[in-house]
């Protein structure tokens, strides 16, 4: 595994956790939450495109799997409560 794979895997995990902490319905989101959601999705797709152009199939799977694992962990109640108590953008309106 290359250093780039490890870095992208960690970033994808964080993106998954942050994305899971946002409201799931667009009606429940305010403008800042919608903007953050868009940025997170674009960053994840950008990383996958980078790996595609590099020709790294295994690394692409690492990014996808770590993002899904981060999303599952981000749905845990203690993680949600921690993020909502520290940053207002994750607070449900």
PDB file of N, CA and C in Angstrom:
ATOM      1  N   UNK A   1       0.847  -1.189   0.000  1.00  0.00           N
ATOM      2  CA  UNK A   1       0.000   0.000   0.000  1.00  0.00           C
ATOM      3  C   UNK A   1       0.882   1.238   0.000  1.00  0.00           C
ATOM      4  N   UNK A   2       0.472   2.183  -0.784  1.00  0.00           N
ATOM      5  CA  UNK A   2       1.237   3.414  -0.845  1.00  0.00           C
ATOM      6  C   UNK A   2       0.761   4.390   0.225  1.00  0.00           C
ATOM      7  N   UNK A   3       1.557   5.404   0.436  1.00  0.00           N
ATOM      8  CA  UNK A   3       1.213   6.441   1.412  1.00  0.00           C
ATOM      9  C   UNK A   3      -0.044   7.178   0.963  1.00  0.00           C
ATOM     10  N   UNK A   4      -0.184   7.378  -0.333  1.00  0.00           N
ATOM     11  CA  UNK A   4      -1.366   8.050  -0.871  1.00  0.00           C
ATOM     12  C   UNK A   4      -2.640   7.265  -0.563  1.00  0.00           C
ATOM     13  N   UNK A   5      -2.563   5.957  -0.627  1.00  0.00           N
ATOM     14  CA  UNK A   5      -3.719   5.114  -0.315  1.00  0.00           C
ATOM     15  C   UNK A   5      -4.120   5.258   1.144  1.00  0.00           C
ATOM     16  N   UNK A   6      -3.142   5.267   2.029  1.00  0.00           N
ATOM     17  CA  UNK A   6      -3.428   5.407   3.456  1.00  0.00           C
ATOM     18  C   UNK A   6      -4.031   6.771   3.752  1.00  0.00           C
ATOM     19  N   UNK A   7      -3.477   7.813   3.162  1.00  0.00           N
ATOM     20  CA  UNK A   7      -3.999   9.169   3.381  1.00  0.00           C
ATOM     21  C   UNK A   7      -5.419   9.282   2.840  1.00  0.00           C
ATOM     22  N   UNK A   8      -5.644   8.804   1.616  1.00  0.00           N
ATOM     23  CA  UNK A   8      -6.990   8.860   1.039  1.00  0.00           C
ATOM     24  C   UNK A   8      -7.968   7.991   1.823  1.00  0.00           C
ATOM     25  N   UNK A   9      -7.510   6.859   2.351  1.00  0.00           N
ATOM     26  CA  UNK A   9      -8.370   6.011   3.167  1.00  0.00           C
ATOM     27  C   UNK A   9      -8.804   6.706   4.447  1.00  0.00           C
ATOM     28  N   UNK A  10      -7.887   7.397   5.101  1.00  0.00           N
ATOM     29  CA  UNK A  10      -8.223   8.140   6.321  1.00  0.00           C
ATOM     30  C   UNK A  10      -9.181   9.276   6.006  1.00  0.00           C
ATOM     31  N   UNK A  11      -8.916   9.993   4.921  1.00  0.00           N
ATOM     32  CA  UNK A  11      -9.801  11.095   4.528  1.00  0.00           C
ATOM     33  C   UNK A  11     -11.192  10.561   4.186  1.00  0.00           C
ATOM     34  N   UNK A  12     -11.259   9.437   3.481  1.00  0.00           N
ATOM     35  CA  UNK A  12     -12.561   8.849   3.128  1.00  0.00           C
ATOM     36  C   UNK A  12     -13.314   8.411   4.379  1.00  0.00           C
ATOM     37  N   UNK A  13     -12.608   7.883   5.373  1.00  0.00           N
ATOM     38  CA  UNK A  13     -13.244   7.494   6.632  1.00  0.00           C
ATOM     39  C   UNK A  13     -13.841   8.714   7.326  1.00  0.00           C
ATOM     40  N   UNK A  14     -13.082   9.794   7.388  1.00  0.00           N
ATOM     41  CA  UNK A  14     -13.570  11.030   8.021  1.00  0.00           C
ATOM     42  C   UNK A  14     -14.765  11.586   7.248  1.00  0.00           C
ATOM     43  N   UNK A  15     -14.699  11.549   5.923  1.00  0.00           N
ATOM     44  CA  UNK A  15     -15.829  12.012   5.110  1.00  0.00           C
ATOM     45  C   UNK A  15     -17.070  11.176   5.412  1.00  0.00           C
ATOM     46  N   UNK A  16     -16.911   9.868   5.534  1.00  0.00           N
ATOM     47  CA  UNK A  16     -18.042   9.005   5.859  1.00  0.00           C
ATOM     48  C   UNK A  16     -18.649   9.330   7.209  1.00  0.00           C
ATOM     49  N   UNK A  17     -17.804   9.565   8.214  1.00  0.00           N
ATOM     50  CA  UNK A  17     -18.301   9.907   9.552  1.00  0.00           C
ATOM     51  C   UNK A  17     -19.039  11.239   9.521  1.00  0.00           C
ATOM     52  N   UNK A  18     -18.449  12.232   8.871  1.00  0.00           N
ATOM     53  CA  UNK A  18     -19.078  13.553   8.821  1.00  0.00           C
ATOM     54  C   UNK A  18     -20.386  13.517   8.035  1.00  0.00           C
ATOM     55  N   UNK A  19     -20.389  12.785   6.931  1.00  0.00           N
ATOM     56  CA  UNK A  19     -21.598  12.708   6.113  1.00  0.00           C
ATOM     57  C   UNK A  19     -22.737  12.019   6.859  1.00  0.00           C
ATOM     58  N   UNK A  20     -22.414  11.007   7.651  1.00  0.00           N
ATOM     59  CA  UNK A  20     -23.444  10.300   8.422  1.00  0.00           C
ATOM     60  C   UNK A  20     -24.005  11.164   9.538  1.00  0.00           C
ATOM     61  N   UNK A  21     -23.240  12.141   9.991  1.00  0.00           N
ATOM     62  CA  UNK A  21     -23.694  12.991  11.091  1.00  0.00           C
ATOM     63  C   UNK A  21     -24.623  14.103  10.630  1.00  0.00           C
ATOM     64  N   UNK A  22     -24.736  14.295   9.335  1.00  0.00           N
ATOM     65  CA  UNK A  22     -25.659  15.302   8.808  1.00  0.00           C
ATOM     66  C   UNK A  22     -27.069  14.720   8.748  1.00  0.00           C
ATOM     67  N   UNK A  23     -28.090  15.576   8.737  1.00  0.00           N
ATOM     68  CA  UNK A  23     -29.462  15.065   8.579  1.00  0.00           C
ATOM     69  C   UNK A  23     -29.603  14.303   7.261  1.00  0.00           C
ATOM     70  N   UNK A  24     -30.403  13.259   7.279  1.00  0.00           N
ATOM     71  CA  UNK A  24     -30.533  12.431   6.079  1.00  0.00           C
ATOM     72  C   UNK A  24     -31.508  13.005   5.064  1.00  0.00           C
ATOM     73  N   UNK A  25     -32.407  13.854   5.492  1.00  0.00           N
ATOM     74  CA  UNK A  25     -33.389  14.447   4.592  1.00  0.00           C
ATOM     75  C   UNK A  25     -32.961  15.862   4.216  1.00  0.00           C
ATOM     76  N   UNK A  26     -33.092  16.193   2.942  1.00  0.00           N
ATOM     77  CA  UNK A  26     -32.729  17.539   2.488  1.00  0.00           C
ATOM     78  C   UNK A  26     -33.644  18.595   3.092  1.00  0.00           C
ATOM     79  N   UNK A  27     -34.863  18.221   3.438  1.00  0.00           N
ATOM     80  CA  UNK A  27     -35.791  19.172   4.062  1.00  0.00           C
ATOM     81  C   UNK A  27     -35.351  19.568   5.466  1.00  0.00           C
ATOM     82  N   UNK A  28     -34.600  18.689   6.117  1.00  0.00           N
ATOM     83  CA  UNK A  28     -34.135  18.978   7.472  1.00  0.00           C
ATOM     84  C   UNK A  28     -32.836  19.775   7.489  1.00  0.00           C
ATOM     85  N   UNK A  29     -32.177  19.914   6.344  1.00  0.00           N
ATOM     86  CA  UNK A  29     -30.889  20.603   6.272  1.00  0.00           C
ATOM     87  C   UNK A  29     -31.076  22.089   6.034  1.00  0.00           C
ATOM     88  N   UNK A  30     -30.171  22.875   6.622  1.00  0.00           N
ATOM     89  CA  UNK A  30     -30.132  24.289   6.287  1.00  0.00           C
ATOM     90  C   UNK A  30     -29.085  24.483   5.185  1.00  0.00           C
ATOM     91  N   UNK A  31     -28.833  25.716   4.813  1.00  0.00           N
ATOM     92  CA  UNK A  31     -27.926  25.994   3.704  1.00  0.00           C
ATOM     93  C   UNK A  31     -26.499  25.542   3.959  1.00  0.00           C
ATOM     94  N   UNK A  32     -26.010  25.744   5.178  1.00  0.00           N
ATOM     95  CA  UNK A  32     -24.638  25.351   5.499  1.00  0.00           C
ATOM     96  C   UNK A  32     -24.475  23.836   5.470  1.00  0.00           C
ATOM     97  N   UNK A  33     -25.469  23.125   5.961  1.00  0.00           N
ATOM     98  CA  UNK A  33     -25.400  21.667   5.947  1.00  0.00           C
ATOM     99  C   UNK A  33     -25.461  21.124   4.525  1.00  0.00           C
ATOM    100  N   UNK A  34     -26.271  21.737   3.679  1.00  0.00           N
ATOM    101  CA  UNK A  34     -26.329  21.303   2.274  1.00  0.00           C
ATOM    102  C   UNK A  34     -24.995  21.570   1.575  1.00  0.00           C
ATOM    103  N   UNK A  35     -24.398  22.715   1.877  1.00  0.00           N
ATOM    104  CA  UNK A  35     -23.097  23.033   1.299  1.00  0.00           C
ATOM    105  C   UNK A  35     -22.026  22.054   1.743  1.00  0.00           C
ATOM    106  N   UNK A  36     -22.012  21.725   3.035  1.00  0.00           N
ATOM    107  CA  UNK A  36     -21.038  20.761   3.544  1.00  0.00           C
ATOM    108  C   UNK A  36     -21.255  19.389   2.921  1.00  0.00           C
ATOM    109  N   UNK A  37     -22.500  18.986   2.778  1.00  0.00           N
ATOM    110  CA  UNK A  37     -22.811  17.705   2.157  1.00  0.00           C
ATOM    111  C   UNK A  37     -22.283  17.660   0.726  1.00  0.00           C
ATOM    112  N   UNK A  38     -22.476  18.726  -0.007  1.00  0.00           N
ATOM    113  CA  UNK A  38     -21.990  18.793  -1.386  1.00  0.00           C
ATOM    114  C   UNK A  38     -20.471  18.726  -1.437  1.00  0.00           C
ATOM    115  N   UNK A  39     -19.801  19.455  -0.554  1.00  0.00           N
ATOM    116  CA  UNK A  39     -18.337  19.451  -0.529  1.00  0.00           C
ATOM    117  C   UNK A  39     -17.807  18.053  -0.201  1.00  0.00           C
ATOM    118  N   UNK A  40     -18.433  17.375   0.761  1.00  0.00           N
ATOM    119  CA  UNK A  40     -17.981  16.036   1.137  1.00  0.00           C
ATOM    120  C   UNK A  40     -18.142  15.045  -0.013  1.00  0.00           C
ATOM    121  N   UNK A  41     -19.260  15.111  -0.712  1.00  0.00           N
ATOM    122  CA  UNK A  41     -19.496  14.198  -1.838  1.00  0.00           C
ATOM    123  C   UNK A  41     -18.527  14.490  -2.980  1.00  0.00           C
ATOM    124  N   UNK A  42     -18.303  15.763  -3.273  1.00  0.00           N
ATOM    125  CA  UNK A  42     -17.372  16.125  -4.348  1.00  0.00           C
ATOM    126  C   UNK A  42     -15.950  15.686  -3.996  1.00  0.00           C
ATOM    127  N   UNK A  43     -15.559  15.829  -2.728  1.00  0.00           N
ATOM    128  CA  UNK A  43     -14.223  15.397  -2.310  1.00  0.00           C
ATOM    129  C   UNK A  43     -14.066  13.884  -2.461  1.00  0.00           C
ATOM    130  N   UNK A  44     -15.077  13.138  -2.079  1.00  0.00           N
ATOM    131  CA  UNK A  44     -15.008  11.679  -2.200  1.00  0.00           C
ATOM    132  C   UNK A  44     -14.948  11.251  -3.665  1.00  0.00           C
ATOM    133  N   UNK A  45     -15.766  11.856  -4.492  1.00  0.00           N
ATOM    134  CA  UNK A  45     -15.736  11.537  -5.926  1.00  0.00           C
ATOM    135  C   UNK A  45     -14.405  11.956  -6.539  1.00  0.00           C
ATOM    136  N   UNK A  46     -13.873  13.094  -6.109  1.00  0.00           N
ATOM    137  CA  UNK A  46     -12.568  13.544  -6.601  1.00  0.00           C
ATOM    138  C   UNK A  46     -11.455  12.565  -6.265  1.00  0.00           C
ATOM    139  N   UNK A  47     -11.489  12.027  -5.053  1.00  0.00           N
ATOM    140  CA  UNK A  47     -10.479  11.033  -4.680  1.00  0.00           C
ATOM    141  C   UNK A  47     -10.608   9.775  -5.528  1.00  0.00           C
ATOM    142  N   UNK A  48     -11.843   9.347  -5.784  1.00  0.00           N
ATOM    143  CA  UNK A  48     -12.040   8.163  -6.623  1.00  0.00           C
ATOM    144  C   UNK A  48     -11.566   8.407  -8.054  1.00  0.00           C
ATOM    145  N   UNK A  49     -11.798   9.597  -8.569  1.00  0.00           N
ATOM    146  CA  UNK A  49     -11.333   9.927  -9.920  1.00  0.00           C
ATOM    147  C   UNK A  49      -9.813   9.942  -9.974  1.00  0.00           C
ATOM    148  N   UNK A  50      -9.174  10.488  -8.927  1.00  0.00           N
ATOM    149  CA  UNK A  50      -7.706  10.478  -8.870  1.00  0.00           C
ATOM    150  C   UNK A  50      -7.172   9.051  -8.907  1.00  0.00           C
ATOM    151  N   UNK A  51      -7.775   8.181  -8.135  1.00  0.00           N
ATOM    152  CA  UNK A  51      -7.334   6.786  -8.122  1.00  0.00           C
ATOM    153  C   UNK A  51      -7.600   6.101  -9.464  1.00  0.00           C
ATOM    154  N   UNK A  52      -8.671   6.491 -10.130  1.00  0.00           N
ATOM    155  CA  UNK A  52      -8.964   5.923 -11.443  1.00  0.00           C
ATOM    156  C   UNK A  52      -7.882   6.326 -12.447  1.00  0.00           C
ATOM    157  N   UNK A  53      -7.489   7.602 -12.429  1.00  0.00           N
ATOM    158  CA  UNK A  53      -6.473   8.061 -13.372  1.00  0.00           C
ATOM    159  C   UNK A  53      -5.095   7.493 -13.057  1.00  0.00           C
ATOM    160  N   UNK A  54      -4.837   7.224 -11.797  1.00  0.00           N
ATOM    161  CA  UNK A  54      -3.569   6.598 -11.426  1.00  0.00           C
ATOM    162  C   UNK A  54      -3.570   5.129 -11.845  1.00  0.00           C
ATOM    163  N   UNK A  55      -4.754   4.555 -11.948  1.00  0.00           N
ATOM    164  CA  UNK A  55      -4.867   3.152 -12.334  1.00  0.00           C
ATOM    165  C   UNK A  55      -4.810   2.216 -11.144  1.00  0.00           C
ATOM    166  N   UNK A  56      -5.263   2.692 -10.008  1.00  0.00           N
ATOM    167  CA  UNK A  56      -5.199   1.907  -8.776  1.00  0.00           C
ATOM    168  C   UNK A  56      -6.578   1.370  -8.427  1.00  0.00           C
ATOM    169  N   UNK A  57      -6.850   0.153  -8.857  1.00  0.00           N
ATOM    170  CA  UNK A  57      -8.150  -0.460  -8.588  1.00  0.00           C
ATOM    171  C   UNK A  57      -8.298  -0.816  -7.113  1.00  0.00           C
ATOM    172  N   UNK A  58      -7.262  -1.369  -6.521  1.00  0.00           N
ATOM    173  CA  UNK A  58      -7.317  -1.747  -5.108  1.00  0.00           C
ATOM    174  C   UNK A  58      -7.517  -0.530  -4.220  1.00  0.00           C
ATOM    175  N   UNK A  59      -6.820   0.544  -4.529  1.00  0.00           N
ATOM    176  CA  UNK A  59      -6.937   1.756  -3.727  1.00  0.00           C
ATOM    177  C   UNK A  59      -8.327   2.370  -3.838  1.00  0.00           C
ATOM    178  N   UNK A  60      -8.947   2.240  -5.001  1.00  0.00           N
ATOM    179  CA  UNK A  60     -10.318   2.728  -5.161  1.00  0.00           C
ATOM    180  C   UNK A  60     -11.264   1.972  -4.239  1.00  0.00           C
ATOM    181  N   UNK A  61     -11.065   0.661  -4.138  1.00  0.00           N
ATOM    182  CA  UNK A  61     -11.893  -0.135  -3.230  1.00  0.00           C
ATOM    183  C   UNK A  61     -11.627   0.232  -1.775  1.00  0.00           C
ATOM    184  N   UNK A  62     -10.380   0.534  -1.454  1.00  0.00           N
ATOM    185  CA  UNK A  62     -10.049   0.960  -0.087  1.00  0.00           C
ATOM    186  C   UNK A  62     -10.801   2.234   0.259  1.00  0.00           C
ATOM    187  N   UNK A  63     -10.846   3.179  -0.665  1.00  0.00           N
ATOM    188  CA  UNK A  63     -11.559   4.439  -0.428  1.00  0.00           C
ATOM    189  C   UNK A  63     -13.048   4.176  -0.235  1.00  0.00           C
ATOM    190  N   UNK A  64     -13.636   3.370  -1.094  1.00  0.00           N
ATOM    191  CA  UNK A  64     -15.069   3.074  -0.967  1.00  0.00           C
ATOM    192  C   UNK A  64     -15.398   2.362   0.343  1.00  0.00           C
ATOM    193  N   UNK A  65     -14.596   1.369   0.693  1.00  0.00           N
ATOM    194  CA  UNK A  65     -14.871   0.596   1.907  1.00  0.00           C
ATOM    195  C   UNK A  65     -14.681   1.452   3.153  1.00  0.00           C
ATOM    196  N   UNK A  66     -13.619   2.255   3.203  1.00  0.00           N
ATOM    197  CA  UNK A  66     -13.409   3.098   4.388  1.00  0.00           C
ATOM    198  C   UNK A  66     -14.480   4.170   4.503  1.00  0.00           C
ATOM    199  N   UNK A  67     -14.984   4.672   3.382  1.00  0.00           N
ATOM    200  CA  UNK A  67     -16.069   5.656   3.443  1.00  0.00           C
ATOM    201  C   UNK A  67     -17.345   5.018   3.985  1.00  0.00           C
ATOM    202  N   UNK A  68     -17.641   3.798   3.565  1.00  0.00           N
ATOM    203  CA  UNK A  68     -18.838   3.104   4.063  1.00  0.00           C
ATOM    204  C   UNK A  68     -18.682   2.768   5.549  1.00  0.00           C
ATOM    205  N   UNK A  69     -17.504   2.315   5.954  1.00  0.00           N
ATOM    206  CA  UNK A  69     -17.265   2.026   7.375  1.00  0.00           C
ATOM    207  C   UNK A  69     -17.392   3.306   8.198  1.00  0.00           C
ATOM    208  N   UNK A  70     -16.848   4.406   7.692  1.00  0.00           N
ATOM    209  CA  UNK A  70     -16.994   5.686   8.378  1.00  0.00           C
ATOM    210  C   UNK A  70     -18.443   6.116   8.478  1.00  0.00           C
ATOM    211  N   UNK A  71     -19.212   5.856   7.434  1.00  0.00           N
ATOM    212  CA  UNK A  71     -20.636   6.198   7.442  1.00  0.00           C
ATOM    213  C   UNK A  71     -21.385   5.389   8.497  1.00  0.00           C
ATOM    214  N   UNK A  72     -21.067   4.108   8.598  1.00  0.00           N
ATOM    215  CA  UNK A  72     -21.718   3.255   9.603  1.00  0.00           C
ATOM    216  C   UNK A  72     -21.335   3.700  11.011  1.00  0.00           C
ATOM    217  N   UNK A  73     -20.066   3.980  11.228  1.00  0.00           N
ATOM    218  CA  UNK A  73     -19.617   4.435  12.545  1.00  0.00           C
ATOM    219  C   UNK A  73     -20.188   5.810  12.861  1.00  0.00           C
ATOM    220  N   UNK A  74     -20.327   6.658  11.856  1.00  0.00           N
ATOM    221  CA  UNK A  74     -20.891   7.987  12.068  1.00  0.00           C
ATOM    222  C   UNK A  74     -22.342   7.970  12.501  1.00  0.00           C
ATOM    223  N   UNK A  75     -23.050   6.885  12.225  1.00  0.00           N
ATOM    224  CA  UNK A  75     -24.448   6.768  12.645  1.00  0.00           C
ATOM    225  C   UNK A  75     -24.595   6.348  14.105  1.00  0.00           C
ATOM    226  N   UNK A  76     -23.506   5.984  14.756  1.00  0.00           N
ATOM    227  CA  UNK A  76     -23.581   5.619  16.171  1.00  0.00           C
ATOM    228  C   UNK A  76     -23.938   6.852  16.993  1.00  0.00           C
ATOM    229  N   UNK A  77     -24.826   6.679  17.932  1.00  0.00           N
ATOM    230  CA  UNK A  77     -25.359   7.802  18.716  1.00  0.00           C
ATOM    231  C   UNK A  77     -24.270   8.598  19.452  1.00  0.00           C
ATOM    232  N   UNK A  78     -23.285   7.949  20.109  1.00  0.00           N
ATOM    233  CA  UNK A  78     -22.259   8.748  20.799  1.00  0.00           C
ATOM    234  C   UNK A  78     -21.438   9.619  19.848  1.00  0.00           C
ATOM    235  N   UNK A  79     -21.174   9.118  18.663  1.00  0.00           N
ATOM    236  CA  UNK A  79     -20.416   9.904  17.681  1.00  0.00           C
ATOM    237  C   UNK A  79     -21.255  11.093  17.228  1.00  0.00           C
ATOM    238  N   UNK A  80     -22.532  10.860  16.934  1.00  0.00           N
ATOM    239  CA  UNK A  80     -23.435  11.941  16.538  1.00  0.00           C
ATOM    240  C   UNK A  80     -23.541  12.997  17.623  1.00  0.00           C
ATOM    241  N   UNK A  81     -23.710  12.566  18.866  1.00  0.00           N
ATOM    242  CA  UNK A  81     -23.827  13.510  19.977  1.00  0.00           C
ATOM    243  C   UNK A  81     -22.547  14.314  20.166  1.00  0.00           C
ATOM    244  N   UNK A  82     -21.398  13.659  20.018  1.00  0.00           N
ATOM    245  CA  UNK A  82     -20.123  14.359  20.154  1.00  0.00           C
ATOM    246  C   UNK A  82     -19.978  15.440  19.090  1.00  0.00           C
ATOM    247  N   UNK A  83     -20.253  15.092  17.835  1.00  0.00           N
ATOM    248  CA  UNK A  83     -20.118  16.068  16.754  1.00  0.00           C
ATOM    249  C   UNK A  83     -21.117  17.205  16.902  1.00  0.00           C
ATOM    250  N   UNK A  84     -22.350  16.893  17.300  1.00  0.00           N
ATOM    251  CA  UNK A  84     -23.370  17.931  17.467  1.00  0.00           C
ATOM    252  C   UNK A  84     -23.045  18.856  18.629  1.00  0.00           C
ATOM    253  N   UNK A  85     -22.407  18.331  19.671  1.00  0.00           N
ATOM    254  CA  UNK A  85     -22.079  19.182  20.815  1.00  0.00           C
ATOM    255  C   UNK A  85     -20.861  20.057  20.552  1.00  0.00           C
ATOM    256  N   UNK A  86     -20.003  19.660  19.618  1.00  0.00           N
ATOM    257  CA  UNK A  86     -18.801  20.445  19.347  1.00  0.00           C
ATOM    258  C   UNK A  86     -18.943  21.388  18.157  1.00  0.00           C
ATOM    259  N   UNK A  87     -19.759  21.016  17.171  1.00  0.00           N
ATOM    260  CA  UNK A  87     -19.928  21.850  15.991  1.00  0.00           C
ATOM    261  C   UNK A  87     -21.411  22.014  15.700  1.00  0.00           C
ATOM    262  N   UNK A  88     -21.848  23.247  15.578  1.00  0.00           N
ATOM    263  CA  UNK A  88     -23.267  23.540  15.363  1.00  0.00           C
ATOM    264  C   UNK A  88     -23.788  23.035  14.021  1.00  0.00           C
ATOM    265  N   UNK A  89     -22.908  22.854  13.055  1.00  0.00           N
ATOM    266  CA  UNK A  89     -23.365  22.458  11.724  1.00  0.00           C
ATOM    267  C   UNK A  89     -23.972  21.050  11.733  1.00  0.00           C
ATOM    268  N   UNK A  90     -23.610  20.222  12.716  1.00  0.00           N
ATOM    269  CA  UNK A  90     -24.143  18.864  12.796  1.00  0.00           C
ATOM    270  C   UNK A  90     -25.379  18.772  13.672  1.00  0.00           C
ATOM    271  N   UNK A  91     -25.820  19.892  14.218  1.00  0.00           N
ATOM    272  CA  UNK A  91     -26.994  19.903  15.083  1.00  0.00           C
ATOM    273  C   UNK A  91     -28.247  19.827  14.224  1.00  0.00           C
ATOM    274  N   UNK A  92     -29.172  18.948  14.591  1.00  0.00           N
ATOM    275  CA  UNK A  92     -30.427  18.822  13.849  1.00  0.00           C
ATOM    276  C   UNK A  92     -31.318  20.007  14.168  1.00  0.00           C
ATOM    277  N   UNK A  93     -31.913  20.573  13.161  1.00  0.00           N
ATOM    278  CA  UNK A  93     -32.754  21.759  13.352  1.00  0.00           C
ATOM    279  C   UNK A  93     -34.190  21.353  13.547  1.00  0.00           C
TER     280      UNK A  93
END
